[in-house]
PDB file of N, CA and C in Angstrom:
ATOM      1  N   UNK A   1       4.813 -10.949  -6.582  1.00  0.00           N
ATOM      2  CA  UNK A   1       4.539 -10.447  -5.265  1.00  0.00           C
ATOM      3  C   UNK A   1       3.779 -11.481  -4.431  1.00  0.00           C
ATOM      4  N   UNK A   2       2.787 -12.126  -4.989  1.00  0.00           N
ATOM      5  CA  UNK A   2       1.991 -13.012  -4.258  1.00  0.00           C
ATOM      6  C   UNK A   2       2.666 -14.376  -3.923  1.00  0.00           C
ATOM      7  N   UNK A   3       3.902 -14.603  -4.574  1.00  0.00           N
ATOM      8  CA  UNK A   3       4.583 -15.789  -4.285  1.00  0.00           C
ATOM      9  C   UNK A   3       5.030 -15.865  -2.802  1.00  0.00           C
ATOM     10  N   UNK A   4       5.158 -14.737  -2.174  1.00  0.00           N
ATOM     11  CA  UNK A   4       5.490 -14.659  -0.788  1.00  0.00           C
ATOM     12  C   UNK A   4       4.335 -15.214   0.164  1.00  0.00           C
ATOM     13  N   UNK A   5       3.123 -15.311  -0.479  1.00  0.00           N
ATOM     14  CA  UNK A   5       1.974 -15.762   0.321  1.00  0.00           C
ATOM     15  C   UNK A   5       1.736 -17.284   0.209  1.00  0.00           C
ATOM     16  N   UNK A   6       2.402 -17.948  -0.804  1.00  0.00           N
ATOM     17  CA  UNK A   6       2.142 -19.303  -1.075  1.00  0.00           C
ATOM     18  C   UNK A   6       2.501 -20.144   0.216  1.00  0.00           C
ATOM     19  N   UNK A   7       1.739 -21.132   0.516  1.00  0.00           N
ATOM     20  CA  UNK A   7       1.840 -22.007   1.633  1.00  0.00           C
ATOM     21  C   UNK A   7       1.681 -21.310   3.008  1.00  0.00           C
ATOM     22  N   UNK A   8       1.185 -20.087   2.981  1.00  0.00           N
ATOM     23  CA  UNK A   8       0.847 -19.372   4.181  1.00  0.00           C
ATOM     24  C   UNK A   8      -0.461 -19.923   4.707  1.00  0.00           C
ATOM     25  N   UNK A   9      -0.551 -20.057   6.021  1.00  0.00           N
ATOM     26  CA  UNK A   9      -1.761 -20.563   6.642  1.00  0.00           C
ATOM     27  C   UNK A   9      -2.495 -19.449   7.292  1.00  0.00           C
ATOM     28  N   UNK A  10      -3.794 -19.320   6.948  1.00  0.00           N
ATOM     29  CA  UNK A  10      -4.599 -18.219   7.423  1.00  0.00           C
ATOM     30  C   UNK A  10      -5.675 -18.748   8.360  1.00  0.00           C
ATOM     31  N   UNK A  11      -5.794 -18.230   9.540  1.00  0.00           N
ATOM     32  CA  UNK A  11      -6.771 -18.760  10.486  1.00  0.00           C
ATOM     33  C   UNK A  11      -8.177 -18.453   9.958  1.00  0.00           C
ATOM     34  N   UNK A  12      -9.056 -19.462  10.174  1.00  0.00           N
ATOM     35  CA  UNK A  12     -10.459 -19.254   9.782  1.00  0.00           C
ATOM     36  C   UNK A  12     -11.193 -18.810  11.044  1.00  0.00           C
ATOM     37  N   UNK A  13     -11.834 -17.640  11.078  1.00  0.00           N
ATOM     38  CA  UNK A  13     -12.594 -17.182  12.255  1.00  0.00           C
ATOM     39  C   UNK A  13     -13.699 -18.141  12.590  1.00  0.00           C
ATOM     40  N   UNK A  14     -13.935 -18.207  13.891  1.00  0.00           N
ATOM     41  CA  UNK A  14     -15.051 -19.070  14.366  1.00  0.00           C
ATOM     42  C   UNK A  14     -16.375 -18.704  13.740  1.00  0.00           C
ATOM     43  N   UNK A  15     -16.598 -17.393  13.526  1.00  0.00           N
ATOM     44  CA  UNK A  15     -17.820 -16.924  12.886  1.00  0.00           C
ATOM     45  C   UNK A  15     -18.013 -17.520  11.463  1.00  0.00           C
ATOM     46  N   UNK A  16     -16.908 -17.669  10.738  1.00  0.00           N
ATOM     47  CA  UNK A  16     -17.041 -18.263   9.380  1.00  0.00           C
ATOM     48  C   UNK A  16     -17.329 -19.754   9.527  1.00  0.00           C
ATOM     49  N   UNK A  17     -16.633 -20.395  10.414  1.00  0.00           N
ATOM     50  CA  UNK A  17     -16.824 -21.843  10.582  1.00  0.00           C
ATOM     51  C   UNK A  17     -18.304 -22.111  11.019  1.00  0.00           C
ATOM     52  N   UNK A  18     -18.838 -21.267  11.925  1.00  0.00           N
ATOM     53  CA  UNK A  18     -20.209 -21.464  12.349  1.00  0.00           C
ATOM     54  C   UNK A  18     -21.193 -21.183  11.177  1.00  0.00           C
ATOM     55  N   UNK A  19     -20.843 -20.181  10.384  1.00  0.00           N
ATOM     56  CA  UNK A  19     -21.678 -19.854   9.206  1.00  0.00           C
ATOM     57  C   UNK A  19     -21.714 -21.012   8.216  1.00  0.00           C
ATOM     58  N   UNK A  20     -20.580 -21.724   8.047  1.00  0.00           N
ATOM     59  CA  UNK A  20     -20.564 -22.881   7.151  1.00  0.00           C
ATOM     60  C   UNK A  20     -21.448 -23.975   7.739  1.00  0.00           C
ATOM     61  N   UNK A  21     -21.460 -24.157   9.057  1.00  0.00           N
ATOM     62  CA  UNK A  21     -22.368 -25.180   9.654  1.00  0.00           C
ATOM     63  C   UNK A  21     -23.871 -24.829   9.493  1.00  0.00           C
ATOM     64  N   UNK A  22     -24.096 -23.549   9.625  1.00  0.00           N
ATOM     65  CA  UNK A  22     -25.496 -23.023   9.434  1.00  0.00           C
ATOM     66  C   UNK A  22     -25.910 -23.236   7.919  1.00  0.00           C
ATOM     67  N   UNK A  23     -24.999 -22.961   7.078  1.00  0.00           N
ATOM     68  CA  UNK A  23     -25.249 -23.136   5.624  1.00  0.00           C
ATOM     69  C   UNK A  23     -25.592 -24.591   5.319  1.00  0.00           C
ATOM     70  N   UNK A  24     -24.830 -25.568   5.903  1.00  0.00           N
ATOM     71  CA  UNK A  24     -25.061 -26.925   5.678  1.00  0.00           C
ATOM     72  C   UNK A  24     -26.417 -27.391   6.227  1.00  0.00           C
ATOM     73  N   UNK A  25     -26.780 -26.877   7.420  1.00  0.00           N
ATOM     74  CA  UNK A  25     -28.099 -27.216   8.043  1.00  0.00           C
ATOM     75  C   UNK A  25     -29.212 -26.600   7.203  1.00  0.00           C
ATOM     76  N   UNK A  26     -29.031 -25.424   6.640  1.00  0.00           N
ATOM     77  CA  UNK A  26     -30.082 -24.773   5.911  1.00  0.00           C
ATOM     78  C   UNK A  26     -30.477 -25.531   4.608  1.00  0.00           C
ATOM     79  N   UNK A  27     -29.535 -26.281   4.085  1.00  0.00           N
ATOM     80  CA  UNK A  27     -29.851 -27.104   2.867  1.00  0.00           C
ATOM     81  C   UNK A  27     -30.732 -28.268   3.224  1.00  0.00           C
ATOM     82  N   UNK A  28     -30.370 -28.904   4.314  1.00  0.00           N
ATOM     83  CA  UNK A  28     -31.193 -30.104   4.811  1.00  0.00           C
ATOM     84  C   UNK A  28     -31.145 -31.200   3.778  1.00  0.00           C
ATOM     85  N   UNK A  29     -31.947 -32.202   4.064  1.00  0.00           N
ATOM     86  CA  UNK A  29     -32.085 -33.356   3.126  1.00  0.00           C
ATOM     87  C   UNK A  29     -30.786 -34.073   2.889  1.00  0.00           C
ATOM     88  N   UNK A  30     -30.598 -34.680   1.783  1.00  0.00           N
ATOM     89  CA  UNK A  30     -29.536 -35.492   1.412  1.00  0.00           C
ATOM     90  C   UNK A  30     -28.444 -34.557   0.792  1.00  0.00           C
ATOM     91  N   UNK A  31     -27.490 -34.084   1.624  1.00  0.00           N
ATOM     92  CA  UNK A  31     -26.529 -33.084   1.183  1.00  0.00           C
ATOM     93  C   UNK A  31     -25.340 -33.811   0.590  1.00  0.00           C
ATOM     94  N   UNK A  32     -25.277 -35.098   0.656  1.00  0.00           N
ATOM     95  CA  UNK A  32     -24.071 -35.819   0.160  1.00  0.00           C
ATOM     96  C   UNK A  32     -23.932 -35.705  -1.352  1.00  0.00           C
ATOM     97  N   UNK A  33     -25.006 -35.518  -2.054  1.00  0.00           N
ATOM     98  CA  UNK A  33     -24.906 -35.447  -3.511  1.00  0.00           C
ATOM     99  C   UNK A  33     -24.677 -34.039  -4.066  1.00  0.00           C
ATOM    100  N   UNK A  34     -24.790 -33.060  -3.218  1.00  0.00           N
ATOM    101  CA  UNK A  34     -24.662 -31.663  -3.659  1.00  0.00           C
ATOM    102  C   UNK A  34     -23.246 -31.203  -3.791  1.00  0.00           C
ATOM    103  N   UNK A  35     -22.974 -30.394  -4.768  1.00  0.00           N
ATOM    104  CA  UNK A  35     -21.623 -29.807  -4.935  1.00  0.00           C
ATOM    105  C   UNK A  35     -21.436 -28.815  -3.723  1.00  0.00           C
ATOM    106  N   UNK A  36     -20.213 -28.836  -3.197  1.00  0.00           N
ATOM    107  CA  UNK A  36     -19.862 -27.925  -2.171  1.00  0.00           C
ATOM    108  C   UNK A  36     -19.901 -28.531  -0.738  1.00  0.00           C
ATOM    109  N   UNK A  37     -20.410 -29.796  -0.677  1.00  0.00           N
ATOM    110  CA  UNK A  37     -20.501 -30.440   0.668  1.00  0.00           C
ATOM    111  C   UNK A  37     -19.070 -30.723   1.215  1.00  0.00           C
ATOM    112  N   UNK A  38     -18.169 -31.247   0.351  1.00  0.00           N
ATOM    113  CA  UNK A  38     -16.803 -31.572   0.840  1.00  0.00           C
ATOM    114  C   UNK A  38     -16.178 -30.302   1.342  1.00  0.00           C
ATOM    115  N   UNK A  39     -16.174 -29.199   0.553  1.00  0.00           N
ATOM    116  CA  UNK A  39     -15.539 -27.976   1.020  1.00  0.00           C
ATOM    117  C   UNK A  39     -16.174 -27.413   2.271  1.00  0.00           C
ATOM    118  N   UNK A  40     -17.523 -27.483   2.392  1.00  0.00           N
ATOM    119  CA  UNK A  40     -18.194 -27.037   3.559  1.00  0.00           C
ATOM    120  C   UNK A  40     -17.704 -27.814   4.825  1.00  0.00           C
ATOM    121  N   UNK A  41     -17.734 -29.099   4.672  1.00  0.00           N
ATOM    122  CA  UNK A  41     -17.257 -29.934   5.853  1.00  0.00           C
ATOM    123  C   UNK A  41     -15.830 -29.609   6.217  1.00  0.00           C
ATOM    124  N   UNK A  42     -15.018 -29.512   5.215  1.00  0.00           N
ATOM    125  CA  UNK A  42     -13.574 -29.199   5.441  1.00  0.00           C
ATOM    126  C   UNK A  42     -13.405 -27.843   6.171  1.00  0.00           C
ATOM    127  N   UNK A  43     -14.132 -26.839   5.726  1.00  0.00           N
ATOM    128  CA  UNK A  43     -14.023 -25.508   6.376  1.00  0.00           C
ATOM    129  C   UNK A  43     -14.602 -25.524   7.788  1.00  0.00           C
ATOM    130  N   UNK A  44     -15.615 -26.354   8.033  1.00  0.00           N
ATOM    131  CA  UNK A  44     -16.176 -26.420   9.421  1.00  0.00           C
ATOM    132  C   UNK A  44     -15.139 -26.996  10.343  1.00  0.00           C
ATOM    133  N   UNK A  45     -14.369 -27.966   9.875  1.00  0.00           N
ATOM    134  CA  UNK A  45     -13.470 -28.741  10.756  1.00  0.00           C
ATOM    135  C   UNK A  45     -12.097 -28.049  10.936  1.00  0.00           C
ATOM    136  N   UNK A  46     -11.639 -27.402   9.886  1.00  0.00           N
ATOM    137  CA  UNK A  46     -10.306 -26.800   9.967  1.00  0.00           C
ATOM    138  C   UNK A  46     -10.240 -25.530  10.755  1.00  0.00           C
ATOM    139  N   UNK A  47      -9.118 -25.225  11.384  1.00  0.00           N
ATOM    140  CA  UNK A  47      -8.876 -23.990  12.079  1.00  0.00           C
ATOM    141  C   UNK A  47      -8.163 -22.953  11.162  1.00  0.00           C
ATOM    142  N   UNK A  48      -7.594 -23.457  10.089  1.00  0.00           N
ATOM    143  CA  UNK A  48      -6.893 -22.533   9.138  1.00  0.00           C
ATOM    144  C   UNK A  48      -7.036 -23.054   7.698  1.00  0.00           C
ATOM    145  N   UNK A  49      -6.679 -22.141   6.770  1.00  0.00           N
ATOM    146  CA  UNK A  49      -6.816 -22.414   5.405  1.00  0.00           C
ATOM    147  C   UNK A  49      -5.584 -21.895   4.675  1.00  0.00           C
ATOM    148  N   UNK A  50      -5.203 -22.618   3.660  1.00  0.00           N
ATOM    149  CA  UNK A  50      -3.995 -22.151   2.845  1.00  0.00           C
ATOM    150  C   UNK A  50      -4.387 -20.979   1.945  1.00  0.00           C
ATOM    151  N   UNK A  51      -3.329 -20.228   1.565  1.00  0.00           N
ATOM    152  CA  UNK A  51      -3.532 -19.159   0.567  1.00  0.00           C
ATOM    153  C   UNK A  51      -4.051 -19.691  -0.743  1.00  0.00           C
ATOM    154  N   UNK A  52      -3.522 -20.873  -1.148  1.00  0.00           N
ATOM    155  CA  UNK A  52      -3.984 -21.456  -2.376  1.00  0.00           C
ATOM    156  C   UNK A  52      -5.434 -21.791  -2.330  1.00  0.00           C
ATOM    157  N   UNK A  53      -5.913 -22.389  -1.233  1.00  0.00           N
ATOM    158  CA  UNK A  53      -7.320 -22.732  -1.082  1.00  0.00           C
ATOM    159  C   UNK A  53      -8.194 -21.418  -1.167  1.00  0.00           C
ATOM    160  N   UNK A  54      -7.800 -20.372  -0.466  1.00  0.00           N
ATOM    161  CA  UNK A  54      -8.514 -19.100  -0.538  1.00  0.00           C
ATOM    162  C   UNK A  54      -8.625 -18.649  -1.986  1.00  0.00           C
ATOM    163  N   UNK A  55      -7.599 -18.794  -2.726  1.00  0.00           N
ATOM    164  CA  UNK A  55      -7.619 -18.373  -4.132  1.00  0.00           C
ATOM    165  C   UNK A  55      -8.600 -19.216  -4.912  1.00  0.00           C
ATOM    166  N   UNK A  56      -8.653 -20.516  -4.629  1.00  0.00           N
ATOM    167  CA  UNK A  56      -9.596 -21.384  -5.329  1.00  0.00           C
ATOM    168  C   UNK A  56     -11.057 -21.027  -4.958  1.00  0.00           C
ATOM    169  N   UNK A  57     -11.314 -20.671  -3.683  1.00  0.00           N
ATOM    170  CA  UNK A  57     -12.623 -20.254  -3.293  1.00  0.00           C
ATOM    171  C   UNK A  57     -13.016 -18.957  -3.977  1.00  0.00           C
ATOM    172  N   UNK A  58     -12.047 -18.005  -3.999  1.00  0.00           N
ATOM    173  CA  UNK A  58     -12.337 -16.794  -4.720  1.00  0.00           C
ATOM    174  C   UNK A  58     -12.652 -17.005  -6.143  1.00  0.00           C
ATOM    175  N   UNK A  59     -11.902 -17.909  -6.818  1.00  0.00           N
ATOM    176  CA  UNK A  59     -12.169 -18.185  -8.193  1.00  0.00           C
ATOM    177  C   UNK A  59     -13.579 -18.840  -8.356  1.00  0.00           C
ATOM    178  N   UNK A  60     -14.009 -19.647  -7.411  1.00  0.00           N
ATOM    179  CA  UNK A  60     -15.360 -20.198  -7.502  1.00  0.00           C
ATOM    180  C   UNK A  60     -16.422 -19.126  -7.499  1.00  0.00           C
ATOM    181  N   UNK A  61     -16.300 -18.207  -6.545  1.00  0.00           N
ATOM    182  CA  UNK A  61     -17.247 -17.110  -6.432  1.00  0.00           C
ATOM    183  C   UNK A  61     -17.213 -16.151  -7.641  1.00  0.00           C
ATOM    184  N   UNK A  62     -16.020 -15.896  -8.130  1.00  0.00           N
ATOM    185  CA  UNK A  62     -15.851 -14.937  -9.265  1.00  0.00           C
ATOM    186  C   UNK A  62     -16.439 -15.517 -10.559  1.00  0.00           C
ATOM    187  N   UNK A  63     -16.413 -16.829 -10.698  1.00  0.00           N
ATOM    188  CA  UNK A  63     -16.883 -17.444 -11.925  1.00  0.00           C
ATOM    189  C   UNK A  63     -18.282 -18.018 -11.810  1.00  0.00           C
ATOM    190  N   UNK A  64     -18.840 -17.987 -10.606  1.00  0.00           N
ATOM    191  CA  UNK A  64     -20.148 -18.615 -10.435  1.00  0.00           C
ATOM    192  C   UNK A  64     -21.281 -17.846 -11.192  1.00  0.00           C
ATOM    193  N   UNK A  65     -22.016 -18.539 -12.002  1.00  0.00           N
ATOM    194  CA  UNK A  65     -23.044 -17.895 -12.821  1.00  0.00           C
ATOM    195  C   UNK A  65     -24.451 -18.322 -12.517  1.00  0.00           C
ATOM    196  N   UNK A  66     -24.592 -19.220 -11.452  1.00  0.00           N
ATOM    197  CA  UNK A  66     -25.911 -19.757 -11.194  1.00  0.00           C
ATOM    198  C   UNK A  66     -26.710 -18.894 -10.281  1.00  0.00           C
ATOM    199  N   UNK A  67     -27.852 -19.403  -9.776  1.00  0.00           N
ATOM    200  CA  UNK A  67     -28.745 -18.693  -8.909  1.00  0.00           C
ATOM    201  C   UNK A  67     -28.119 -18.664  -7.512  1.00  0.00           C
ATOM    202  N   UNK A  68     -28.223 -17.466  -6.874  1.00  0.00           N
ATOM    203  CA  UNK A  68     -27.626 -17.348  -5.598  1.00  0.00           C
ATOM    204  C   UNK A  68     -28.474 -18.096  -4.496  1.00  0.00           C
ATOM    205  N   UNK A  69     -29.493 -18.688  -4.881  1.00  0.00           N
ATOM    206  CA  UNK A  69     -30.311 -19.483  -3.906  1.00  0.00           C
ATOM    207  C   UNK A  69     -30.076 -20.968  -4.073  1.00  0.00           C
ATOM    208  N   UNK A  70     -29.213 -21.317  -5.093  1.00  0.00           N
ATOM    209  CA  UNK A  70     -28.904 -22.716  -5.264  1.00  0.00           C
ATOM    210  C   UNK A  70     -28.159 -23.267  -4.050  1.00  0.00           C
ATOM    211  N   UNK A  71     -28.339 -24.611  -3.865  1.00  0.00           N
ATOM    212  CA  UNK A  71     -27.681 -25.217  -2.671  1.00  0.00           C
ATOM    213  C   UNK A  71     -26.184 -25.183  -2.827  1.00  0.00           C
ATOM    214  N   UNK A  72     -25.662 -25.265  -4.003  1.00  0.00           N
ATOM    215  CA  UNK A  72     -24.198 -25.195  -4.210  1.00  0.00           C
ATOM    216  C   UNK A  72     -23.620 -23.914  -3.738  1.00  0.00           C
ATOM    217  N   UNK A  73     -24.220 -22.820  -4.070  1.00  0.00           N
ATOM    218  CA  UNK A  73     -23.794 -21.479  -3.620  1.00  0.00           C
ATOM    219  C   UNK A  73     -23.869 -21.349  -2.087  1.00  0.00           C
ATOM    220  N   UNK A  74     -24.957 -21.780  -1.565  1.00  0.00           N
ATOM    221  CA  UNK A  74     -25.177 -21.736  -0.063  1.00  0.00           C
ATOM    222  C   UNK A  74     -24.157 -22.610   0.614  1.00  0.00           C
ATOM    223  N   UNK A  75     -23.945 -23.812   0.171  1.00  0.00           N
ATOM    224  CA  UNK A  75     -22.940 -24.692   0.779  1.00  0.00           C
ATOM    225  C   UNK A  75     -21.576 -24.164   0.792  1.00  0.00           C
ATOM    226  N   UNK A  76     -21.226 -23.338  -0.266  1.00  0.00           N
ATOM    227  CA  UNK A  76     -19.948 -22.754  -0.309  1.00  0.00           C
ATOM    228  C   UNK A  76     -19.807 -21.490   0.539  1.00  0.00           C
ATOM    229  N   UNK A  77     -20.883 -21.209   1.227  1.00  0.00           N
ATOM    230  CA  UNK A  77     -20.800 -20.095   2.163  1.00  0.00           C
ATOM    231  C   UNK A  77     -21.516 -18.769   1.769  1.00  0.00           C
ATOM    232  N   UNK A  78     -21.959 -18.784   0.512  1.00  0.00           N
ATOM    233  CA  UNK A  78     -22.745 -17.660   0.055  1.00  0.00           C
ATOM    234  C   UNK A  78     -22.002 -16.333   0.154  1.00  0.00           C
ATOM    235  N   UNK A  79     -22.711 -15.287   0.263  1.00  0.00           N
ATOM    236  CA  UNK A  79     -22.134 -13.903   0.180  1.00  0.00           C
ATOM    237  C   UNK A  79     -21.244 -13.626   1.363  1.00  0.00           C
ATOM    238  N   UNK A  80     -21.578 -14.218   2.520  1.00  0.00           N
ATOM    239  CA  UNK A  80     -20.732 -13.981   3.699  1.00  0.00           C
ATOM    240  C   UNK A  80     -19.315 -14.566   3.482  1.00  0.00           C
ATOM    241  N   UNK A  81     -19.222 -15.788   2.923  1.00  0.00           N
ATOM    242  CA  UNK A  81     -17.905 -16.402   2.704  1.00  0.00           C
ATOM    243  C   UNK A  81     -17.192 -15.638   1.608  1.00  0.00           C
ATOM    244  N   UNK A  82     -17.964 -15.247   0.554  1.00  0.00           N
ATOM    245  CA  UNK A  82     -17.368 -14.456  -0.531  1.00  0.00           C
ATOM    246  C   UNK A  82     -16.727 -13.224  -0.026  1.00  0.00           C
ATOM    247  N   UNK A  83     -17.432 -12.498   0.866  1.00  0.00           N
ATOM    248  CA  UNK A  83     -16.910 -11.248   1.402  1.00  0.00           C
ATOM    249  C   UNK A  83     -15.658 -11.494   2.270  1.00  0.00           C
ATOM    250  N   UNK A  84     -15.715 -12.560   3.119  1.00  0.00           N
ATOM    251  CA  UNK A  84     -14.558 -12.889   3.928  1.00  0.00           C
ATOM    252  C   UNK A  84     -13.332 -13.161   3.104  1.00  0.00           C
ATOM    253  N   UNK A  85     -13.491 -14.015   2.082  1.00  0.00           N
ATOM    254  CA  UNK A  85     -12.360 -14.441   1.258  1.00  0.00           C
ATOM    255  C   UNK A  85     -11.835 -13.176   0.523  1.00  0.00           C
ATOM    256  N   UNK A  86     -12.666 -12.336  -0.054  1.00  0.00           N
ATOM    257  CA  UNK A  86     -12.198 -11.122  -0.789  1.00  0.00           C
ATOM    258  C   UNK A  86     -11.422 -10.201   0.188  1.00  0.00           C
ATOM    259  N   UNK A  87     -12.003  -9.968   1.374  1.00  0.00           N
ATOM    260  CA  UNK A  87     -11.340  -9.106   2.359  1.00  0.00           C
ATOM    261  C   UNK A  87      -9.991  -9.688   2.820  1.00  0.00           C
ATOM    262  N   UNK A  88      -9.955 -10.979   3.042  1.00  0.00           N
ATOM    263  CA  UNK A  88      -8.731 -11.567   3.583  1.00  0.00           C
ATOM    264  C   UNK A  88      -7.659 -11.573   2.467  1.00  0.00           C
ATOM    265  N   UNK A  89      -7.973 -11.936   1.316  1.00  0.00           N
ATOM    266  CA  UNK A  89      -6.975 -11.856   0.208  1.00  0.00           C
ATOM    267  C   UNK A  89      -6.436 -10.415  -0.008  1.00  0.00           C
ATOM    268  N   UNK A  90      -7.369  -9.494   0.014  1.00  0.00           N
ATOM    269  CA  UNK A  90      -7.004  -8.087  -0.166  1.00  0.00           C
ATOM    270  C   UNK A  90      -6.013  -7.646   0.915  1.00  0.00           C
ATOM    271  N   UNK A  91      -6.321  -8.024   2.143  1.00  0.00           N
ATOM    272  CA  UNK A  91      -5.455  -7.657   3.278  1.00  0.00           C
ATOM    273  C   UNK A  91      -4.039  -8.317   3.161  1.00  0.00           C
ATOM    274  N   UNK A  92      -4.062  -9.497   2.785  1.00  0.00           N
ATOM    275  CA  UNK A  92      -2.776 -10.259   2.649  1.00  0.00           C
ATOM    276  C   UNK A  92      -1.913  -9.605   1.535  1.00  0.00           C
ATOM    277  N   UNK A  93      -2.511  -9.334   0.420  1.00  0.00           N
ATOM    278  CA  UNK A  93      -1.804  -8.785  -0.753  1.00  0.00           C
ATOM    279  C   UNK A  93      -1.348  -7.378  -0.493  1.00  0.00           C
ATOM    280  N   UNK A  94      -2.199  -6.561   0.188  1.00  0.00           N
ATOM    281  CA  UNK A  94      -1.847  -5.227   0.480  1.00  0.00           C
ATOM    282  C   UNK A  94      -0.718  -5.160   1.544  1.00  0.00           C
ATOM    283  N   UNK A  95      -0.698  -6.066   2.447  1.00  0.00           N
ATOM    284  CA  UNK A  95       0.402  -6.083   3.429  1.00  0.00           C
ATOM    285  C   UNK A  95       1.757  -6.360   2.725  1.00  0.00           C
ATOM    286  N   UNK A  96       1.830  -7.245   1.785  1.00  0.00           N
ATOM    287  CA  UNK A  96       3.042  -7.518   1.083  1.00  0.00           C
ATOM    288  C   UNK A  96       3.435  -6.266   0.227  1.00  0.00           C
ATOM    289  N   UNK A  97       2.449  -5.687  -0.452  1.00  0.00           N
ATOM    290  CA  UNK A  97       2.738  -4.553  -1.256  1.00  0.00           C
ATOM    291  C   UNK A  97       3.222  -3.376  -0.442  1.00  0.00           C
ATOM    292  N   UNK A  98       2.602  -3.113   0.714  1.00  0.00           N
ATOM    293  CA  UNK A  98       2.979  -1.953   1.538  1.00  0.00           C
ATOM    294  C   UNK A  98       4.413  -2.159   2.094  1.00  0.00           C
ATOM    295  N   UNK A  99       4.735  -3.384   2.425  1.00  0.00           N
ATOM    296  CA  UNK A  99       6.074  -3.739   2.969  1.00  0.00           C
ATOM    297  C   UNK A  99       7.128  -3.398   1.872  1.00  0.00           C
ATOM    298  N   UNK A 100       6.848  -3.784   0.637  1.00  0.00           N
ATOM    299  CA  UNK A 100       7.798  -3.562  -0.433  1.00  0.00           C
ATOM    300  C   UNK A 100       7.823  -2.067  -0.724  1.00  0.00           C
ATOM    301  N   UNK A 101       6.699  -1.423  -0.708  1.00  0.00           N
ATOM    302  CA  UNK A 101       6.672   0.026  -0.982  1.00  0.00           C
ATOM    303  C   UNK A 101       7.454   0.802   0.071  1.00  0.00           C
ATOM    304  N   UNK A 102       7.353   0.379   1.349  1.00  0.00           N
ATOM    305  CA  UNK A 102       8.076   1.149   2.422  1.00  0.00           C
ATOM    306  C   UNK A 102       9.572   0.871   2.287  1.00  0.00           C
ATOM    307  N   UNK A 103       9.984  -0.300   1.834  1.00  0.00           N
ATOM    308  CA  UNK A 103      11.395  -0.504   1.658  1.00  0.00           C
ATOM    309  C   UNK A 103      11.906   0.269   0.458  1.00  0.00           C
ATOM    310  N   UNK A 104      11.102   0.362  -0.584  1.00  0.00           N
ATOM    311  CA  UNK A 104      11.487   1.158  -1.719  1.00  0.00           C
ATOM    312  C   UNK A 104      11.551   2.667  -1.408  1.00  0.00           C
ATOM    313  N   UNK A 105      10.597   3.146  -0.547  1.00  0.00           N
ATOM    314  CA  UNK A 105      10.685   4.514  -0.129  1.00  0.00           C
ATOM    315  C   UNK A 105      11.875   4.798   0.774  1.00  0.00           C
ATOM    316  N   UNK A 106      12.370   3.783   1.405  1.00  0.00           N
ATOM    317  CA  UNK A 106      13.514   3.948   2.320  1.00  0.00           C
ATOM    318  C   UNK A 106      14.847   3.910   1.499  1.00  0.00           C
ATOM    319  N   UNK A 107      14.734   3.623   0.200  1.00  0.00           N
ATOM    320  CA  UNK A 107      15.934   3.642  -0.603  1.00  0.00           C
ATOM    321  C   UNK A 107      16.473   2.327  -1.117  1.00  0.00           C
ATOM    322  N   UNK A 108      15.822   1.280  -0.683  1.00  0.00           N
ATOM    323  CA  UNK A 108      16.237  -0.018  -1.253  1.00  0.00           C
ATOM    324  C   UNK A 108      15.787  -0.101  -2.674  1.00  0.00           C
ATOM    325  N   UNK A 109      16.529  -0.721  -3.534  1.00  0.00           N
ATOM    326  CA  UNK A 109      16.235  -0.822  -4.979  1.00  0.00           C
ATOM    327  C   UNK A 109      15.599  -2.149  -5.328  1.00  0.00           C
ATOM    328  N   UNK A 110      14.881  -2.096  -6.373  1.00  0.00           N
ATOM    329  CA  UNK A 110      14.218  -3.289  -7.017  1.00  0.00           C
ATOM    330  C   UNK A 110      13.345  -4.139  -6.033  1.00  0.00           C
ATOM    331  N   UNK A 111      12.540  -3.490  -5.311  1.00  0.00           N
ATOM    332  CA  UNK A 111      11.648  -4.218  -4.351  1.00  0.00           C
ATOM    333  C   UNK A 111      10.561  -5.029  -5.072  1.00  0.00           C
ATOM    334  N   UNK A 112      10.176  -4.508  -6.225  1.00  0.00           N
ATOM    335  CA  UNK A 112       9.024  -5.144  -6.957  1.00  0.00           C
ATOM    336  C   UNK A 112       9.537  -6.037  -8.072  1.00  0.00           C
ATOM    337  N   UNK A 113      10.888  -6.237  -8.182  1.00  0.00           N
ATOM    338  CA  UNK A 113      11.485  -7.082  -9.223  1.00  0.00           C
ATOM    339  C   UNK A 113      12.166  -8.222  -8.515  1.00  0.00           C
ATOM    340  N   UNK A 114      11.852  -9.468  -8.861  1.00  0.00           N
ATOM    341  CA  UNK A 114      12.565 -10.572  -8.256  1.00  0.00           C
ATOM    342  C   UNK A 114      14.025 -10.609  -8.700  1.00  0.00           C
ATOM    343  N   UNK A 115      14.860 -11.065  -7.788  1.00  0.00           N
ATOM    344  CA  UNK A 115      16.283 -11.133  -8.121  1.00  0.00           C
ATOM    345  C   UNK A 115      16.525 -12.216  -9.079  1.00  0.00           C
ATOM    346  N   UNK A 116      17.492 -11.979 -10.007  1.00  0.00           N
ATOM    347  CA  UNK A 116      17.768 -12.964 -11.053  1.00  0.00           C
ATOM    348  C   UNK A 116      19.204 -12.666 -11.561  1.00  0.00           C
ATOM    349  N   UNK A 117      19.727 -13.644 -12.247  1.00  0.00           N
ATOM    350  CA  UNK A 117      21.006 -13.454 -12.893  1.00  0.00           C
ATOM    351  C   UNK A 117      20.739 -13.195 -14.385  1.00  0.00           C
ATOM    352  N   UNK A 118      21.478 -12.206 -14.913  1.00  0.00           N
ATOM    353  CA  UNK A 118      21.276 -11.823 -16.332  1.00  0.00           C
ATOM    354  C   UNK A 118      21.771 -12.970 -17.178  1.00  0.00           C
ATOM    355  N   UNK A 119      21.012 -13.287 -18.232  1.00  0.00           N
ATOM    356  CA  UNK A 119      21.402 -14.296 -19.227  1.00  0.00           C
ATOM    357  C   UNK A 119      21.938 -13.619 -20.447  1.00  0.00           C
ATOM    358  N   UNK A 120      23.257 -13.644 -20.627  1.00  0.00           N
ATOM    359  CA  UNK A 120      23.911 -12.946 -21.744  1.00  0.00           C
ATOM    360  C   UNK A 120      24.019 -13.855 -22.983  1.00  0.00           C
ATOM    361  N   UNK A 121      23.435 -15.050 -22.970  1.00  0.00           N
ATOM    362  CA  UNK A 121      23.532 -15.925 -24.119  1.00  0.00           C
ATOM    363  C   UNK A 121      22.667 -15.535 -25.242  1.00  0.00           C
ATOM    364  N   UNK A 122      21.679 -14.704 -25.024  1.00  0.00           N
ATOM    365  CA  UNK A 122      20.768 -14.328 -26.128  1.00  0.00           C
ATOM    366  C   UNK A 122      21.344 -13.265 -26.972  1.00  0.00           C
TER     367      UNK A 122
END
């Protein structure tokens, strides 16, 4: 189902881009050596983000085990960025699912199964 979302470009709201700039300033000092600086700068400058990048950010937050006051967590956008990523991915995935569900309810068959040719050689 999510294969339909690959290479999709999602606009980054100005509010999120501003939050990333605020996060960078809140760290202060020499931020070049901290983890998350590259992603922070990239998200501040870009107007959109790919579905794949959103998934990588979600994975970062889902697997993060450190202190939520660490500079790495703050540079990656903290809880505000985590919430936006979770909400955005959920909306994208729900949209695809609902579209397929509506077509299935209208009588189209196999909406949740990708088309394929049967392999009779087995």
